[in-house]
Amino acid sequence: MAMDASEIESLIKGSLPDAQVTIEDLRGDGDHYAAYVTSAAFVGKSRVQQHQLVYAALKGRMGNELHALALQTSAPEST
């Protein structure tokens, strides 16, 4: 069972409410996505820790409903 991009975005924003999230369906099959996530929660965290926060937000769906996720994370730039 495939996931839809809006569901992925909703799960991420549920755990990281300030997140700016862009989801791209890489193959049009609902199984292979790219996610670009920017959140203040990432400030001071390593890239691995940032990705762990996003994977935790997906609540175990990674590898099940969601087959592949190319993930790019960043903290907002200071102004």
Protein backbone atom coordinates (compact mmCIF):
# COMPACT_ATOMS: atom_id res chain seq x y z
CA MET A 1 0.00 0.00 0.00
CA ALA A 2 1.55 3.29 -1.14
CA MET A 3 1.54 6.58 0.75
CA ASP A 4 0.43 9.85 -0.67
CA ALA A 5 2.64 12.96 -0.52
CA SER A 6 0.15 14.92 1.57
CA GLU A 7 0.13 12.16 4.20
CA ILE A 8 3.94 12.28 4.44
CA GLU A 9 3.84 16.06 4.81
CA SER A 10 1.11 15.85 7.44
CA LEU A 11 3.05 13.32 9.53
CA ILE A 12 6.21 15.43 9.41
CA LYS A 13 4.36 18.63 10.33
CA GLY A 14 2.60 16.77 13.13
CA SER A 15 5.96 16.19 14.81
CA LEU A 16 7.74 19.32 13.56
CA PRO A 17 4.97 21.98 13.42
CA ASP A 18 7.25 24.77 12.18
CA ALA A 19 8.65 22.64 9.35
CA GLN A 20 8.66 23.79 5.76
CA VAL A 21 8.11 20.57 3.84
CA THR A 22 8.29 19.88 0.12
CA ILE A 23 7.53 16.36 -1.10
CA GLU A 24 8.32 15.15 -4.61
CA ASP A 25 7.08 11.82 -6.02
CA LEU A 26 10.19 10.66 -7.85
CA ARG A 27 8.63 7.91 -9.97
CA GLY A 28 4.92 8.65 -9.87
CA ASP A 29 4.32 5.34 -8.11
CA GLY A 30 3.60 6.58 -4.59
CA ASP A 31 6.55 4.55 -3.26
CA HIS A 32 9.61 6.66 -4.05
CA TYR A 33 9.69 10.19 -2.70
CA ALA A 34 12.12 13.01 -2.04
CA ALA A 35 11.45 15.19 1.01
CA TYR A 36 13.00 18.57 1.68
CA VAL A 37 12.46 19.61 5.30
CA THR A 38 13.53 22.81 7.03
CA SER A 39 12.85 23.17 10.76
CA ALA A 40 14.19 25.12 13.73
CA ALA A 41 14.20 21.76 15.56
CA PHE A 42 17.29 20.90 13.49
CA VAL A 43 19.42 23.74 14.89
CA GLY A 44 22.56 22.33 16.51
CA LYS A 45 21.78 18.77 15.39
CA SER A 46 23.89 16.63 13.08
CA ARG A 47 22.48 15.55 9.72
CA VAL A 48 21.92 12.05 11.14
CA GLN A 49 19.98 13.46 14.11
CA GLN A 50 17.90 15.62 11.76
CA HIS A 51 17.02 12.58 9.65
CA GLN A 52 16.18 10.58 12.77
CA LEU A 53 13.65 13.26 13.76
CA VAL A 54 11.97 12.98 10.36
CA TYR A 55 11.96 9.17 10.42
CA ALA A 56 10.44 9.24 13.91
CA ALA A 57 7.71 11.54 12.56
CA LEU A 58 6.84 8.90 9.96
CA LYS A 59 5.89 6.53 12.81
CA GLY A 60 7.25 3.27 11.41
CA ARG A 61 5.91 3.71 7.89
CA MET A 62 9.41 3.85 6.38
CA GLY A 63 10.06 0.48 4.74
CA ASN A 64 6.39 -0.44 4.91
CA GLU A 65 3.91 1.89 3.20
CA LEU A 66 6.80 4.16 2.23
CA HIS A 67 9.40 2.24 0.28
CA ALA A 68 12.03 4.91 -0.39
CA LEU A 69 12.59 8.47 0.83
CA ALA A 70 15.47 10.65 -0.34
CA LEU A 71 15.73 13.09 2.54
CA GLN A 72 17.32 16.52 2.66
CA THR A 73 17.09 18.45 5.91
CA SER A 74 18.27 21.85 7.07
CA ALA A 75 17.81 24.42 9.79
CA PRO A 76 16.42 27.80 8.75
CA GLU A 77 19.03 30.38 7.85
CA SER A 78 19.52 33.19 10.36
CA THR A 79 18.63 36.65 9.16
